[in-house]
Amino acid sequence: MPWKRLVIRLLLMLACIPAAISIGPFWWGAWLKYGFLPSPGFWAARHFVKGEGFEAMGRGLYTTMAVDSAVCWVALIVIAMILTIWYDRTKSRFARVLRNGFIVVLVLIPIASTLLVAYNVRRPVRERAKIIAEYNQARPASVTQPVPSRTEDAVLILHPIGGLEPRQQGHQEDLHFGSEPSSVSYWVTYASSERDRARQGIKVTVSEYPNSAWAAFQARPDPSKYDASRTSELFHLDNILFFFDGGYETHFSWPSGNFVVRVWCDRSNNPDTPQNLILKAYLNKYPRTM
């Protein structure tokens, strides 16, 4: 009967909505990643969303997803109507299988996309938990022996390097607590003047631990504090160094016997920059333990 056909078609149109909402963001993502089937939503956002900052970025993102989902909805409705009209006119078995199969796909698309998004959200959490567990398993046995105290000029380089002078230095002793061993950290800041110390100074810390195992462990990036995507091992100045790209805490780190050396500076490929001259000076004084 005609009213039954109308109800079926309306239900199909409604069933296309969650499927279209699920496909829209994937369309935009696939275009950004693979460069095929240009996203109409991205084009609309570029031409109709004005302004700058996070507010404009949010409006642009919503516009992109809304337009892409609307285009997908229209496309799905067209396909659904073609299959439905074809079956109503021919009553063929093949047309019925195609129509019913399309309905099943419409139902499965939002379910599959929800499961995929949930998996992609949880995967980094699981991977991070695995990395943290492996890091904690590599923790050396606890030791209670104290670290000998040394003078700052014996541990640090307290003469000018690369046009920068040591402007401030000090040391701090951390006693054994729980599973953490005792340690003594010595630090110095190199700068061209006292005024530039806080703004442009290069800070160096040299920490001594009870043994080389703890020094090697402490030189590694702690995955519970640093994002794994921002840490790496670089071949720099003929050495393999840990590099932490953490915004305000960008620094190099390496173990040398019972010591861990950390140099807070940006990465530079020019060997004659002050940071690389300071790195070279401390690598000569504290060769990296392989």
C-alpha atoms as a PDB file:
ATOM      1  CA  MET A   1       0.000   0.000   0.000  1.00  0.00           C
ATOM      2  CA  PRO A   2       1.192   3.567  -0.717  1.00  0.00           C
ATOM      3  CA  TRP A   3       1.198   4.641   2.963  1.00  0.00           C
ATOM      4  CA  LYS A   4       3.387   1.653   3.894  1.00  0.00           C
ATOM      5  CA  ARG A   5       5.902   2.607   1.234  1.00  0.00           C
ATOM      6  CA  LEU A   6       5.890   6.177   2.541  1.00  0.00           C
ATOM      7  CA  VAL A   7       6.524   4.984   6.111  1.00  0.00           C
ATOM      8  CA  ILE A   8       9.396   2.735   4.950  1.00  0.00           C
ATOM      9  CA  ARG A   9      10.991   5.584   3.043  1.00  0.00           C
ATOM     10  CA  LEU A  10      10.665   7.971   6.005  1.00  0.00           C
ATOM     11  CA  LEU A  11      12.243   5.352   8.264  1.00  0.00           C
ATOM     12  CA  LEU A  12      15.093   4.955   5.782  1.00  0.00           C
ATOM     13  CA  MET A  13      15.644   8.706   5.752  1.00  0.00           C
ATOM     14  CA  LEU A  14      15.792   8.720   9.555  1.00  0.00           C
ATOM     15  CA  ALA A  15      18.150   5.719   9.562  1.00  0.00           C
ATOM     16  CA  CYS A  16      20.503   7.662   7.291  1.00  0.00           C
ATOM     17  CA  ILE A  17      21.006  10.402   9.910  1.00  0.00           C
ATOM     18  CA  PRO A  18      23.211   8.527  12.449  1.00  0.00           C
ATOM     19  CA  ALA A  19      25.110   6.894   9.596  1.00  0.00           C
ATOM     20  CA  ALA A  20      25.769  10.276   7.978  1.00  0.00           C
ATOM     21  CA  ILE A  21      26.860  11.817  11.293  1.00  0.00           C
ATOM     22  CA  SER A  22      29.293   8.918  11.713  1.00  0.00           C
ATOM     23  CA  ILE A  23      30.717   9.130   8.184  1.00  0.00           C
ATOM     24  CA  GLY A  24      31.138  12.929   8.090  1.00  0.00           C
ATOM     25  CA  PRO A  25      34.141  13.257  10.459  1.00  0.00           C
ATOM     26  CA  PHE A  26      35.843  10.240   8.846  1.00  0.00           C
ATOM     27  CA  TRP A  27      35.490  11.855   5.428  1.00  0.00           C
ATOM     28  CA  TRP A  28      37.256  14.996   6.597  1.00  0.00           C
ATOM     29  CA  GLY A  29      39.952  12.952   8.351  1.00  0.00           C
ATOM     30  CA  ALA A  30      40.529  10.759   5.283  1.00  0.00           C
ATOM     31  CA  TRP A  31      40.881  13.824   3.075  1.00  0.00           C
ATOM     32  CA  LEU A  32      43.433  15.402   5.422  1.00  0.00           C
ATOM     33  CA  LYS A  33      45.415  12.145   5.688  1.00  0.00           C
ATOM     34  CA  TYR A  34      45.216  10.733   2.154  1.00  0.00           C
ATOM     35  CA  GLY A  35      44.246  13.748   0.030  1.00  0.00           C
ATOM     36  CA  PHE A  36      41.396  12.186  -1.955  1.00  0.00           C
ATOM     37  CA  LEU A  37      37.687  13.122  -2.145  1.00  0.00           C
ATOM     38  CA  PRO A  38      38.015  16.774  -1.046  1.00  0.00           C
ATOM     39  CA  SER A  39      35.880  17.612   1.969  1.00  0.00           C
ATOM     40  CA  PRO A  40      33.064  20.082   1.128  1.00  0.00           C
ATOM     41  CA  GLY A  41      32.832  20.937   4.826  1.00  0.00           C
ATOM     42  CA  PHE A  42      36.461  22.052   4.918  1.00  0.00           C
ATOM     43  CA  TRP A  43      35.860  24.246   1.855  1.00  0.00           C
ATOM     44  CA  ALA A  44      32.758  25.756   3.513  1.00  0.00           C
ATOM     45  CA  ALA A  45      34.648  26.442   6.742  1.00  0.00           C
ATOM     46  CA  ARG A  46      37.482  28.184   4.895  1.00  0.00           C
ATOM     47  CA  HIS A  47      35.119  30.446   2.930  1.00  0.00           C
ATOM     48  CA  PHE A  48      32.380  31.217   5.476  1.00  0.00           C
ATOM     49  CA  VAL A  49      33.964  31.037   8.935  1.00  0.00           C
ATOM     50  CA  LYS A  50      35.806  34.250   9.756  1.00  0.00           C
ATOM     51  CA  GLY A  51      38.008  35.226  12.668  1.00  0.00           C
ATOM     52  CA  GLU A  52      41.012  33.853  14.500  1.00  0.00           C
ATOM     53  CA  GLY A  53      41.748  31.988  17.704  1.00  0.00           C
ATOM     54  CA  PHE A  54      40.138  28.995  19.384  1.00  0.00           C
ATOM     55  CA  GLU A  55      36.598  30.292  18.947  1.00  0.00           C
ATOM     56  CA  ALA A  56      36.970  30.528  15.162  1.00  0.00           C
ATOM     57  CA  MET A  57      38.727  27.149  15.144  1.00  0.00           C
ATOM     58  CA  GLY A  58      35.779  25.607  16.985  1.00  0.00           C
ATOM     59  CA  ARG A  59      33.248  27.141  14.610  1.00  0.00           C
ATOM     60  CA  GLY A  60      35.283  25.926  11.639  1.00  0.00           C
ATOM     61  CA  LEU A  61      35.434  22.382  13.019  1.00  0.00           C
ATOM     62  CA  TYR A  62      31.696  22.245  13.666  1.00  0.00           C
ATOM     63  CA  THR A  63      30.971  23.699  10.226  1.00  0.00           C
ATOM     64  CA  THR A  64      33.217  21.118   8.563  1.00  0.00           C
ATOM     65  CA  MET A  65      31.592  18.170  10.319  1.00  0.00           C
ATOM     66  CA  ALA A  66      28.059  19.520   9.831  1.00  0.00           C
ATOM     67  CA  VAL A  67      28.441  20.128   6.086  1.00  0.00           C
ATOM     68  CA  ASP A  68      30.206  16.804   5.467  1.00  0.00           C
ATOM     69  CA  SER A  69      27.526  14.945   7.442  1.00  0.00           C
ATOM     70  CA  ALA A  70      24.748  16.750   5.526  1.00  0.00           C
ATOM     71  CA  VAL A  71      26.315  15.834   2.170  1.00  0.00           C
ATOM     72  CA  CYS A  72      26.668  12.205   3.328  1.00  0.00           C
ATOM     73  CA  TRP A  73      23.026  12.207   4.471  1.00  0.00           C
ATOM     74  CA  VAL A  74      21.801  13.387   1.071  1.00  0.00           C
ATOM     75  CA  ALA A  75      23.988  10.802  -0.693  1.00  0.00           C
ATOM     76  CA  LEU A  76      22.701   7.980   1.528  1.00  0.00           C
ATOM     77  CA  ILE A  77      19.075   9.073   0.976  1.00  0.00           C
ATOM     78  CA  VAL A  78      19.589   9.068  -2.798  1.00  0.00           C
ATOM     79  CA  ILE A  79      21.041   5.541  -2.648  1.00  0.00           C
ATOM     80  CA  ALA A  80      18.236   4.355  -0.350  1.00  0.00           C
ATOM     81  CA  MET A  81      15.530   5.815  -2.616  1.00  0.00           C
ATOM     82  CA  ILE A  82      17.076   4.274  -5.736  1.00  0.00           C
ATOM     83  CA  LEU A  83      17.196   0.831  -4.125  1.00  0.00           C
ATOM     84  CA  THR A  84      13.669   1.148  -2.712  1.00  0.00           C
ATOM     85  CA  ILE A  85      12.096   2.336  -5.981  1.00  0.00           C
ATOM     86  CA  TRP A  86      13.984  -0.374  -7.883  1.00  0.00           C
ATOM     87  CA  TYR A  87      12.594  -3.058  -5.579  1.00  0.00           C
ATOM     88  CA  ASP A  88       9.034  -1.623  -5.674  1.00  0.00           C
ATOM     89  CA  ARG A  89       9.024  -1.708  -9.459  1.00  0.00           C
ATOM     90  CA  THR A  90      10.768  -5.009 -10.138  1.00  0.00           C
ATOM     91  CA  LYS A  91      10.067  -7.056  -6.990  1.00  0.00           C
ATOM     92  CA  SER A  92      13.222  -8.974  -7.892  1.00  0.00           C
ATOM     93  CA  ARG A  93      15.087 -10.995  -5.275  1.00  0.00           C
ATOM     94  CA  PHE A  94      18.372  -9.280  -6.099  1.00  0.00           C
ATOM     95  CA  ALA A  95      16.873  -5.818  -5.545  1.00  0.00           C
ATOM     96  CA  ARG A  96      15.416  -6.936  -2.201  1.00  0.00           C
ATOM     97  CA  VAL A  97      18.810  -8.302  -1.070  1.00  0.00           C
ATOM     98  CA  LEU A  98      20.497  -5.010  -2.013  1.00  0.00           C
ATOM     99  CA  ARG A  99      17.885  -2.931  -0.225  1.00  0.00           C
ATOM    100  CA  ASN A 100      17.937  -5.048   2.935  1.00  0.00           C
ATOM    101  CA  GLY A 101      21.719  -5.185   2.879  1.00  0.00           C
ATOM    102  CA  PHE A 102      21.866  -1.396   2.617  1.00  0.00           C
ATOM    103  CA  ILE A 103      19.559  -1.108   5.630  1.00  0.00           C
ATOM    104  CA  VAL A 104      21.826  -3.441   7.623  1.00  0.00           C
ATOM    105  CA  VAL A 105      24.860  -1.326   6.641  1.00  0.00           C
ATOM    106  CA  LEU A 106      23.056   1.845   7.779  1.00  0.00           C
ATOM    107  CA  VAL A 107      22.509   0.262  11.190  1.00  0.00           C
ATOM    108  CA  LEU A 108      26.073  -1.067  11.486  1.00  0.00           C
ATOM    109  CA  ILE A 109      27.875   2.158  10.456  1.00  0.00           C
ATOM    110  CA  PRO A 110      27.201   4.151  13.677  1.00  0.00           C
ATOM    111  CA  ILE A 111      27.866   1.057  15.811  1.00  0.00           C
ATOM    112  CA  ALA A 112      31.185   0.377  14.065  1.00  0.00           C
ATOM    113  CA  SER A 113      32.251   4.039  14.196  1.00  0.00           C
ATOM    114  CA  THR A 114      31.455   4.230  17.926  1.00  0.00           C
ATOM    115  CA  LEU A 115      33.555   1.121  18.603  1.00  0.00           C
ATOM    116  CA  LEU A 116      36.390   2.481  16.445  1.00  0.00           C
ATOM    117  CA  VAL A 117      36.438   5.833  18.228  1.00  0.00           C
ATOM    118  CA  ALA A 118      36.384   4.107  21.623  1.00  0.00           C
ATOM    119  CA  TYR A 119      39.306   1.895  20.571  1.00  0.00           C
ATOM    120  CA  ASN A 120      41.339   4.852  19.305  1.00  0.00           C
ATOM    121  CA  VAL A 121      40.676   6.767  22.529  1.00  0.00           C
ATOM    122  CA  ARG A 122      41.665   3.870  24.760  1.00  0.00           C
ATOM    123  CA  ARG A 123      44.679   2.680  22.739  1.00  0.00           C
ATOM    124  CA  PRO A 124      47.028   5.553  23.737  1.00  0.00           C
ATOM    125  CA  VAL A 125      46.000   5.053  27.365  1.00  0.00           C
ATOM    126  CA  ARG A 126      46.835   1.332  27.183  1.00  0.00           C
ATOM    127  CA  GLU A 127      50.123   1.995  25.392  1.00  0.00           C
ATOM    128  CA  ARG A 128      51.118   4.641  27.937  1.00  0.00           C
ATOM    129  CA  ALA A 129      50.262   2.287  30.812  1.00  0.00           C
ATOM    130  CA  LYS A 130      52.411  -0.422  29.190  1.00  0.00           C
ATOM    131  CA  ILE A 131      55.358   1.964  28.756  1.00  0.00           C
ATOM    132  CA  ILE A 132      55.076   3.116  32.389  1.00  0.00           C
ATOM    133  CA  ALA A 133      54.947  -0.502  33.599  1.00  0.00           C
ATOM    134  CA  GLU A 134      58.062  -1.399  31.578  1.00  0.00           C
ATOM    135  CA  TYR A 135      59.840   1.680  32.934  1.00  0.00           C
ATOM    136  CA  ASN A 136      58.994   0.771  36.528  1.00  0.00           C
ATOM    137  CA  GLN A 137      60.121  -2.840  35.991  1.00  0.00           C
ATOM    138  CA  ALA A 138      63.537  -1.539  34.901  1.00  0.00           C
ATOM    139  CA  ARG A 139      63.943   0.334  38.212  1.00  0.00           C
ATOM    140  CA  PRO A 140      67.151  -0.813  39.941  1.00  0.00           C
ATOM    141  CA  ALA A 141      67.188  -2.334  43.403  1.00  0.00           C
ATOM    142  CA  SER A 142      66.857   0.105  46.263  1.00  0.00           C
ATOM    143  CA  VAL A 143      70.102   1.232  47.887  1.00  0.00           C
ATOM    144  CA  THR A 144      70.625   3.137  51.116  1.00  0.00           C
ATOM    145  CA  GLN A 145      74.260   4.131  50.798  1.00  0.00           C
ATOM    146  CA  PRO A 146      74.860   7.903  50.851  1.00  0.00           C
ATOM    147  CA  VAL A 147      76.451   9.893  48.040  1.00  0.00           C
ATOM    148  CA  PRO A 148      79.721  11.652  48.909  1.00  0.00           C
ATOM    149  CA  SER A 149      79.634  15.420  49.001  1.00  0.00           C
ATOM    150  CA  ARG A 150      81.857  17.269  46.516  1.00  0.00           C
ATOM    151  CA  THR A 151      82.753  20.879  45.871  1.00  0.00           C
ATOM    152  CA  GLU A 152      80.869  22.695  43.125  1.00  0.00           C
ATOM    153  CA  ASP A 153      84.013  23.621  41.204  1.00  0.00           C
ATOM    154  CA  ALA A 154      85.011  19.927  41.110  1.00  0.00           C
ATOM    155  CA  VAL A 155      81.698  18.875  39.565  1.00  0.00           C
ATOM    156  CA  LEU A 156      80.711  21.865  37.439  1.00  0.00           C
ATOM    157  CA  ILE A 157      82.578  23.874  34.806  1.00  0.00           C
ATOM    158  CA  LEU A 158      82.845  27.311  36.358  1.00  0.00           C
ATOM    159  CA  HIS A 159      84.601  29.228  33.594  1.00  0.00           C
ATOM    160  CA  PRO A 160      83.117  30.999  30.504  1.00  0.00           C
ATOM    161  CA  ILE A 161      81.947  28.783  27.617  1.00  0.00           C
ATOM    162  CA  GLY A 162      80.948  30.120  24.205  1.00  0.00           C
ATOM    163  CA  GLY A 163      80.806  33.707  25.425  1.00  0.00           C
ATOM    164  CA  LEU A 164      78.544  32.801  28.352  1.00  0.00           C
ATOM    165  CA  GLU A 165      79.686  33.038  31.950  1.00  0.00           C
ATOM    166  CA  PRO A 166      78.543  31.039  34.994  1.00  0.00           C
ATOM    167  CA  ARG A 167      76.223  33.492  36.740  1.00  0.00           C
ATOM    168  CA  GLN A 168      74.786  31.402  39.542  1.00  0.00           C
ATOM    169  CA  GLN A 169      75.483  27.947  40.929  1.00  0.00           C
ATOM    170  CA  GLY A 170      74.513  25.779  43.862  1.00  0.00           C
ATOM    171  CA  HIS A 171      73.810  22.234  44.979  1.00  0.00           C
ATOM    172  CA  GLN A 172      71.102  20.264  46.741  1.00  0.00           C
ATOM    173  CA  GLU A 173      71.199  16.939  48.569  1.00  0.00           C
ATOM    174  CA  ASP A 174      68.234  14.553  48.392  1.00  0.00           C
ATOM    175  CA  LEU A 175      68.224  11.859  51.070  1.00  0.00           C
ATOM    176  CA  HIS A 176      67.124   8.260  50.549  1.00  0.00           C
ATOM    177  CA  PHE A 177      63.312   8.011  50.664  1.00  0.00           C
ATOM    178  CA  GLY A 178      61.247   4.920  49.895  1.00  0.00           C
ATOM    179  CA  SER A 179      62.581   3.271  46.744  1.00  0.00           C
ATOM    180  CA  GLU A 180      64.411   6.420  45.645  1.00  0.00           C
ATOM    181  CA  PRO A 181      68.142   6.522  46.401  1.00  0.00           C
ATOM    182  CA  SER A 182      70.011   9.436  47.875  1.00  0.00           C
ATOM    183  CA  SER A 183      71.542  11.891  45.397  1.00  0.00           C
ATOM    184  CA  VAL A 184      73.324  15.206  45.209  1.00  0.00           C
ATOM    185  CA  SER A 185      72.518  17.651  42.378  1.00  0.00           C
ATOM    186  CA  TYR A 186      74.848  20.477  41.351  1.00  0.00           C
ATOM    187  CA  TRP A 187      73.575  23.207  39.052  1.00  0.00           C
ATOM    188  CA  VAL A 188      74.880  26.272  37.251  1.00  0.00           C
ATOM    189  CA  THR A 189      73.350  28.812  34.865  1.00  0.00           C
ATOM    190  CA  TYR A 190      75.387  30.287  31.997  1.00  0.00           C
ATOM    191  CA  ALA A 191      74.389  33.692  30.602  1.00  0.00           C
ATOM    192  CA  SER A 192      75.976  36.696  28.911  1.00  0.00           C
ATOM    193  CA  SER A 193      74.908  38.940  31.794  1.00  0.00           C
ATOM    194  CA  GLU A 194      73.104  38.711  35.119  1.00  0.00           C
ATOM    195  CA  ARG A 195      70.068  40.375  33.543  1.00  0.00           C
ATOM    196  CA  ASP A 196      69.791  37.663  30.862  1.00  0.00           C
ATOM    197  CA  ARG A 197      70.206  34.787  33.329  1.00  0.00           C
ATOM    198  CA  ALA A 198      66.491  34.045  33.786  1.00  0.00           C
ATOM    199  CA  ARG A 199      65.450  34.849  30.221  1.00  0.00           C
ATOM    200  CA  GLN A 200      68.254  33.449  28.050  1.00  0.00           C
ATOM    201  CA  GLY A 201      70.417  31.472  30.460  1.00  0.00           C
ATOM    202  CA  ILE A 202      71.430  27.870  29.798  1.00  0.00           C
ATOM    203  CA  LYS A 203      71.074  25.745  32.910  1.00  0.00           C
ATOM    204  CA  VAL A 204      73.178  22.656  33.575  1.00  0.00           C
ATOM    205  CA  THR A 205      72.610  20.149  36.372  1.00  0.00           C
ATOM    206  CA  VAL A 206      74.945  17.296  37.291  1.00  0.00           C
ATOM    207  CA  SER A 207      73.388  14.759  39.655  1.00  0.00           C
ATOM    208  CA  GLU A 208      75.344  11.987  41.386  1.00  0.00           C
ATOM    209  CA  TYR A 209      73.699   8.696  42.420  1.00  0.00           C
ATOM    210  CA  PRO A 210      74.977   5.751  44.508  1.00  0.00           C
ATOM    211  CA  ASN A 211      75.779   3.621  41.428  1.00  0.00           C
ATOM    212  CA  SER A 212      75.765   3.633  37.634  1.00  0.00           C
ATOM    213  CA  ALA A 213      72.545   1.578  37.418  1.00  0.00           C
ATOM    214  CA  TRP A 214      70.572   4.317  39.142  1.00  0.00           C
ATOM    215  CA  ALA A 215      72.275   6.998  37.055  1.00  0.00           C
ATOM    216  CA  ALA A 216      71.353   5.190  33.810  1.00  0.00           C
ATOM    217  CA  PHE A 217      67.768   4.800  35.037  1.00  0.00           C
ATOM    218  CA  GLN A 218      67.410   8.442  36.111  1.00  0.00           C
ATOM    219  CA  ALA A 219      68.782   9.703  32.776  1.00  0.00           C
ATOM    220  CA  ARG A 220      65.898   8.060  30.913  1.00  0.00           C
ATOM    221  CA  PRO A 221      62.643   9.979  30.383  1.00  0.00           C
ATOM    222  CA  ASP A 222      60.021   9.103  32.974  1.00  0.00           C
ATOM    223  CA  PRO A 223      56.900   8.235  30.895  1.00  0.00           C
ATOM    224  CA  SER A 224      54.629   9.229  33.786  1.00  0.00           C
ATOM    225  CA  LYS A 225      55.986  12.809  33.544  1.00  0.00           C
ATOM    226  CA  TYR A 226      56.928  13.167  29.861  1.00  0.00           C
ATOM    227  CA  ASP A 227      54.906  12.372  26.764  1.00  0.00           C
ATOM    228  CA  ALA A 228      56.693   9.610  24.835  1.00  0.00           C
ATOM    229  CA  SER A 229      56.095  11.505  21.574  1.00  0.00           C
ATOM    230  CA  ARG A 230      58.213  14.383  22.943  1.00  0.00           C
ATOM    231  CA  THR A 231      61.203  12.317  24.020  1.00  0.00           C
ATOM    232  CA  SER A 232      63.742  10.558  21.847  1.00  0.00           C
ATOM    233  CA  GLU A 233      67.325   9.384  21.600  1.00  0.00           C
ATOM    234  CA  LEU A 234      69.275  11.603  19.209  1.00  0.00           C
ATOM    235  CA  PHE A 235      72.712  11.197  17.672  1.00  0.00           C
ATOM    236  CA  HIS A 236      74.004  14.649  18.496  1.00  0.00           C
ATOM    237  CA  LEU A 237      77.616  15.868  18.715  1.00  0.00           C
ATOM    238  CA  ASP A 238      78.864  12.311  18.057  1.00  0.00           C
ATOM    239  CA  ASN A 239      76.892  10.975  21.030  1.00  0.00           C
ATOM    240  CA  ILE A 240      73.528   9.354  21.597  1.00  0.00           C
ATOM    241  CA  LEU A 241      71.674  11.661  23.981  1.00  0.00           C
ATOM    242  CA  PHE A 242      68.188  11.696  25.413  1.00  0.00           C
ATOM    243  CA  PHE A 243      66.277  14.730  24.115  1.00  0.00           C
ATOM    244  CA  PHE A 244      63.216  16.087  25.918  1.00  0.00           C
ATOM    245  CA  ASP A 245      61.084  18.404  23.790  1.00  0.00           C
ATOM    246  CA  GLY A 246      58.716  19.599  26.472  1.00  0.00           C
ATOM    247  CA  GLY A 247      58.149  23.253  25.639  1.00  0.00           C
ATOM    248  CA  TYR A 248      59.629  25.165  28.578  1.00  0.00           C
ATOM    249  CA  GLU A 249      61.605  22.096  29.674  1.00  0.00           C
ATOM    250  CA  THR A 250      63.544  21.312  26.518  1.00  0.00           C
ATOM    251  CA  HIS A 251      66.792  19.670  27.523  1.00  0.00           C
ATOM    252  CA  PHE A 252      69.391  16.995  26.807  1.00  0.00           C
ATOM    253  CA  SER A 253      70.280  14.261  29.257  1.00  0.00           C
ATOM    254  CA  TRP A 254      72.832  11.441  29.445  1.00  0.00           C
ATOM    255  CA  PRO A 255      74.414   9.138  32.066  1.00  0.00           C
ATOM    256  CA  SER A 256      78.117   9.107  32.836  1.00  0.00           C
ATOM    257  CA  GLY A 257      79.117   6.531  35.431  1.00  0.00           C
ATOM    258  CA  ASN A 258      77.318   7.506  38.639  1.00  0.00           C
ATOM    259  CA  PHE A 259      76.405  10.936  37.231  1.00  0.00           C
ATOM    260  CA  VAL A 260      73.504  12.237  35.161  1.00  0.00           C
ATOM    261  CA  VAL A 261      74.072  15.429  33.170  1.00  0.00           C
ATOM    262  CA  ARG A 262      71.165  17.585  32.031  1.00  0.00           C
ATOM    263  CA  VAL A 263      71.570  20.650  29.832  1.00  0.00           C
ATOM    264  CA  TRP A 264      68.481  22.856  29.399  1.00  0.00           C
ATOM    265  CA  CYS A 265      68.739  24.318  25.907  1.00  0.00           C
ATOM    266  CA  ASP A 266      67.217  24.161  22.445  1.00  0.00           C
ATOM    267  CA  ARG A 267      68.504  21.820  19.770  1.00  0.00           C
ATOM    268  CA  SER A 268      70.852  23.387  17.220  1.00  0.00           C
ATOM    269  CA  ASN A 269      72.683  21.881  14.241  1.00  0.00           C
ATOM    270  CA  ASN A 270      75.337  24.618  14.342  1.00  0.00           C
ATOM    271  CA  PRO A 271      78.270  23.195  16.367  1.00  0.00           C
ATOM    272  CA  ASP A 272      79.496  26.685  17.330  1.00  0.00           C
ATOM    273  CA  THR A 273      76.349  27.875  19.122  1.00  0.00           C
ATOM    274  CA  PRO A 274      76.715  28.467  22.891  1.00  0.00           C
ATOM    275  CA  GLN A 275      74.445  25.541  23.754  1.00  0.00           C
ATOM    276  CA  ASN A 276      76.464  23.103  21.655  1.00  0.00           C
ATOM    277  CA  LEU A 277      79.757  24.428  23.053  1.00  0.00           C
ATOM    278  CA  ILE A 278      78.387  23.865  26.564  1.00  0.00           C
ATOM    279  CA  LEU A 279      77.200  20.387  25.585  1.00  0.00           C
ATOM    280  CA  LYS A 280      80.660  19.581  24.180  1.00  0.00           C
ATOM    281  CA  ALA A 281      82.391  20.822  27.330  1.00  0.00           C
ATOM    282  CA  TYR A 282      80.264  18.622  29.580  1.00  0.00           C
ATOM    283  CA  LEU A 283      80.505  15.628  27.236  1.00  0.00           C
ATOM    284  CA  ASN A 284      84.281  15.933  27.477  1.00  0.00           C
ATOM    285  CA  LYS A 285      84.113  16.105  31.269  1.00  0.00           C
ATOM    286  CA  TYR A 286      81.392  13.452  31.569  1.00  0.00           C
ATOM    287  CA  PRO A 287      81.563  11.014  28.599  1.00  0.00           C
ATOM    288  CA  ARG A 288      78.313   9.220  27.953  1.00  0.00           C
ATOM    289  CA  THR A 289      78.141   5.737  29.482  1.00  0.00           C
ATOM    290  CA  MET A 290      76.942   3.292  26.854  1.00  0.00           C
END
